C-alpha atoms as a PDB file:
ATOM      1  CA  UNK A   1     -36.063 204.483  69.196  1.00  0.00           C
ATOM      2  CA  UNK A   2     -37.449 202.857  71.710  1.00  0.00           C
ATOM      3  CA  UNK A   3     -36.704 199.423  72.391  1.00  0.00           C
ATOM      4  CA  UNK A   4     -38.543 197.119  73.956  1.00  0.00           C
ATOM      5  CA  UNK A   5     -37.659 196.586  77.930  1.00  0.00           C
ATOM      6  CA  UNK A   6     -37.204 192.915  78.645  1.00  0.00           C
ATOM      7  CA  UNK A   7     -39.172 191.455  81.722  1.00  0.00           C
ATOM      8  CA  UNK A   8     -36.787 190.953  84.671  1.00  0.00           C
ATOM      9  CA  UNK A   9     -36.833 186.905  85.214  1.00  0.00           C
ATOM     10  CA  UNK A  10     -37.040 185.621  88.419  1.00  0.00           C
ATOM     11  CA  UNK A  11     -33.723 183.635  89.482  1.00  0.00           C
ATOM     12  CA  UNK A  12     -34.536 179.764  89.824  1.00  0.00           C
ATOM     13  CA  UNK A  13     -34.979 179.424  93.353  1.00  0.00           C
ATOM     14  CA  UNK A  14     -35.258 175.609  95.252  1.00  0.00           C
ATOM     15  CA  UNK A  15     -38.633 175.341  97.002  1.00  0.00           C
ATOM     16  CA  UNK A  16     -36.430 173.882 100.141  1.00  0.00           C
ATOM     17  CA  UNK A  17     -36.203 176.604 102.580  1.00  0.00           C
ATOM     18  CA  UNK A  18     -33.389 174.724 104.874  1.00  0.00           C
ATOM     19  CA  UNK A  19     -30.002 173.286 103.396  1.00  0.00           C
ATOM     20  CA  UNK A  20     -30.159 169.725 103.560  1.00  0.00           C
ATOM     21  CA  UNK A  21     -27.122 168.403 105.907  1.00  0.00           C
ATOM     22  CA  UNK A  22     -25.705 165.075 107.274  1.00  0.00           C
ATOM     23  CA  UNK A  23     -27.191 165.605 110.947  1.00  0.00           C
ATOM     24  CA  UNK A  24     -30.654 166.591 109.681  1.00  0.00           C
ATOM     25  CA  UNK A  25     -30.389 163.634 107.438  1.00  0.00           C
ATOM     26  CA  UNK A  26     -30.001 161.286 110.407  1.00  0.00           C
ATOM     27  CA  UNK A  27     -32.643 163.162 112.538  1.00  0.00           C
ATOM     28  CA  UNK A  28     -35.415 162.672 109.604  1.00  0.00           C
ATOM     29  CA  UNK A  29     -34.223 158.971 109.487  1.00  0.00           C
ATOM     30  CA  UNK A  30     -34.477 158.503 113.035  1.00  0.00           C
ATOM     31  CA  UNK A  31     -37.711 160.287 113.454  1.00  0.00           C
ATOM     32  CA  UNK A  32     -38.825 158.443 110.321  1.00  0.00           C
ATOM     33  CA  UNK A  33     -38.015 155.010 112.141  1.00  0.00           C
ATOM     34  CA  UNK A  34     -39.757 156.058 115.554  1.00  0.00           C
ATOM     35  CA  UNK A  35     -42.974 156.904 114.021  1.00  0.00           C
ATOM     36  CA  UNK A  36     -43.027 154.011 111.439  1.00  0.00           C
ATOM     37  CA  UNK A  37     -42.527 152.024 114.836  1.00  0.00           C
ATOM     38  CA  UNK A  38     -44.369 153.580 116.794  1.00  0.00           C
ATOM     39  CA  UNK A  39     -47.755 153.242 114.639  1.00  0.00           C
ATOM     40  CA  UNK A  40     -47.188 149.472 114.024  1.00  0.00           C
ATOM     41  CA  UNK A  41     -47.154 148.825 117.507  1.00  0.00           C
ATOM     42  CA  UNK A  42     -50.342 150.557 118.102  1.00  0.00           C
ATOM     43  CA  UNK A  43     -51.882 148.744 115.111  1.00  0.00           C
ATOM     44  CA  UNK A  44     -52.599 151.503 113.436  1.00  0.00           C
ATOM     45  CA  UNK A  45     -52.260 152.015 109.551  1.00  0.00           C
ATOM     46  CA  UNK A  46     -51.079 154.757 107.525  1.00  0.00           C
ATOM     47  CA  UNK A  47     -54.481 155.872 106.870  1.00  0.00           C
ATOM     48  CA  UNK A  48     -55.919 155.706 110.525  1.00  0.00           C
ATOM     49  CA  UNK A  49     -52.596 157.922 111.875  1.00  0.00           C
ATOM     50  CA  UNK A  50     -53.221 160.480 109.123  1.00  0.00           C
ATOM     51  CA  UNK A  51     -56.478 160.483 109.515  1.00  0.00           C
ATOM     52  CA  UNK A  52     -56.256 160.695 113.556  1.00  0.00           C
ATOM     53  CA  UNK A  53     -53.130 163.200 113.228  1.00  0.00           C
ATOM     54  CA  UNK A  54     -55.234 165.380 110.702  1.00  0.00           C
ATOM     55  CA  UNK A  55     -52.683 165.185 107.880  1.00  0.00           C
ATOM     56  CA  UNK A  56     -52.847 163.094 104.288  1.00  0.00           C
ATOM     57  CA  UNK A  57     -51.476 159.531 103.787  1.00  0.00           C
ATOM     58  CA  UNK A  58     -49.527 160.280 101.613  1.00  0.00           C
ATOM     59  CA  UNK A  59     -47.725 163.222 103.164  1.00  0.00           C
ATOM     60  CA  UNK A  60     -47.515 160.359 106.331  1.00  0.00           C
ATOM     61  CA  UNK A  61     -45.768 157.787 103.751  1.00  0.00           C
ATOM     62  CA  UNK A  62     -43.215 160.569 102.956  1.00  0.00           C
ATOM     63  CA  UNK A  63     -42.564 161.335 106.400  1.00  0.00           C
ATOM     64  CA  UNK A  64     -42.105 157.883 107.082  1.00  0.00           C
ATOM     65  CA  UNK A  65     -39.541 157.128 104.813  1.00  0.00           C
ATOM     66  CA  UNK A  66     -37.645 159.941 105.267  1.00  0.00           C
ATOM     67  CA  UNK A  67     -38.367 161.907 102.120  1.00  0.00           C
ATOM     68  CA  UNK A  68     -39.684 165.280 104.292  1.00  0.00           C
ATOM     69  CA  UNK A  69     -39.077 167.467 107.231  1.00  0.00           C
ATOM     70  CA  UNK A  70     -41.487 167.486 109.905  1.00  0.00           C
ATOM     71  CA  UNK A  71     -42.697 170.955 111.138  1.00  0.00           C
ATOM     72  CA  UNK A  72     -43.011 171.167 114.688  1.00  0.00           C
ATOM     73  CA  UNK A  73     -46.901 171.763 114.241  1.00  0.00           C
ATOM     74  CA  UNK A  74     -46.669 168.224 112.530  1.00  0.00           C
ATOM     75  CA  UNK A  75     -44.472 166.573 115.325  1.00  0.00           C
ATOM     76  CA  UNK A  76     -47.082 167.600 117.876  1.00  0.00           C
ATOM     77  CA  UNK A  77     -49.954 166.347 116.031  1.00  0.00           C
ATOM     78  CA  UNK A  78     -48.083 162.960 115.072  1.00  0.00           C
ATOM     79  CA  UNK A  79     -47.418 162.536 118.947  1.00  0.00           C
ATOM     80  CA  UNK A  80     -50.672 163.385 120.038  1.00  0.00           C
ATOM     81  CA  UNK A  81     -52.002 160.914 117.580  1.00  0.00           C
ATOM     82  CA  UNK A  82     -49.778 157.985 118.718  1.00  0.00           C
ATOM     83  CA  UNK A  83     -50.228 158.776 122.362  1.00  0.00           C
ATOM     84  CA  UNK A  84     -46.536 159.469 123.241  1.00  0.00           C
ATOM     85  CA  UNK A  85     -44.442 163.193 123.992  1.00  0.00           C
ATOM     86  CA  UNK A  86     -43.223 164.750 120.861  1.00  0.00           C
ATOM     87  CA  UNK A  87     -39.268 164.071 122.140  1.00  0.00           C
ATOM     88  CA  UNK A  88     -39.921 160.574 122.010  1.00  0.00           C
ATOM     89  CA  UNK A  89     -40.225 160.796 118.203  1.00  0.00           C
ATOM     90  CA  UNK A  90     -37.096 162.339 117.871  1.00  0.00           C
ATOM     91  CA  UNK A  91     -34.912 160.117 120.276  1.00  0.00           C
END
């Protein structure tokens, strides 16, 4: 007798590609503070910054709250939109 073959179920995986660490959290928070402060000094809204950087406003909001990590491309886009070198956003 043939028994039905159960399909393999894929293991549950997290969408996060890198682990969260204490150092990573501190870097994310510093980056968030710098983006928020520079944006405010330039008199830009989140919408203005997002449009200038080619990002979504809610994504900028999440970055400013330290909820999302930014890729190198995103850091470069934000730095360009703010008129500062990318290193300034991380220090």
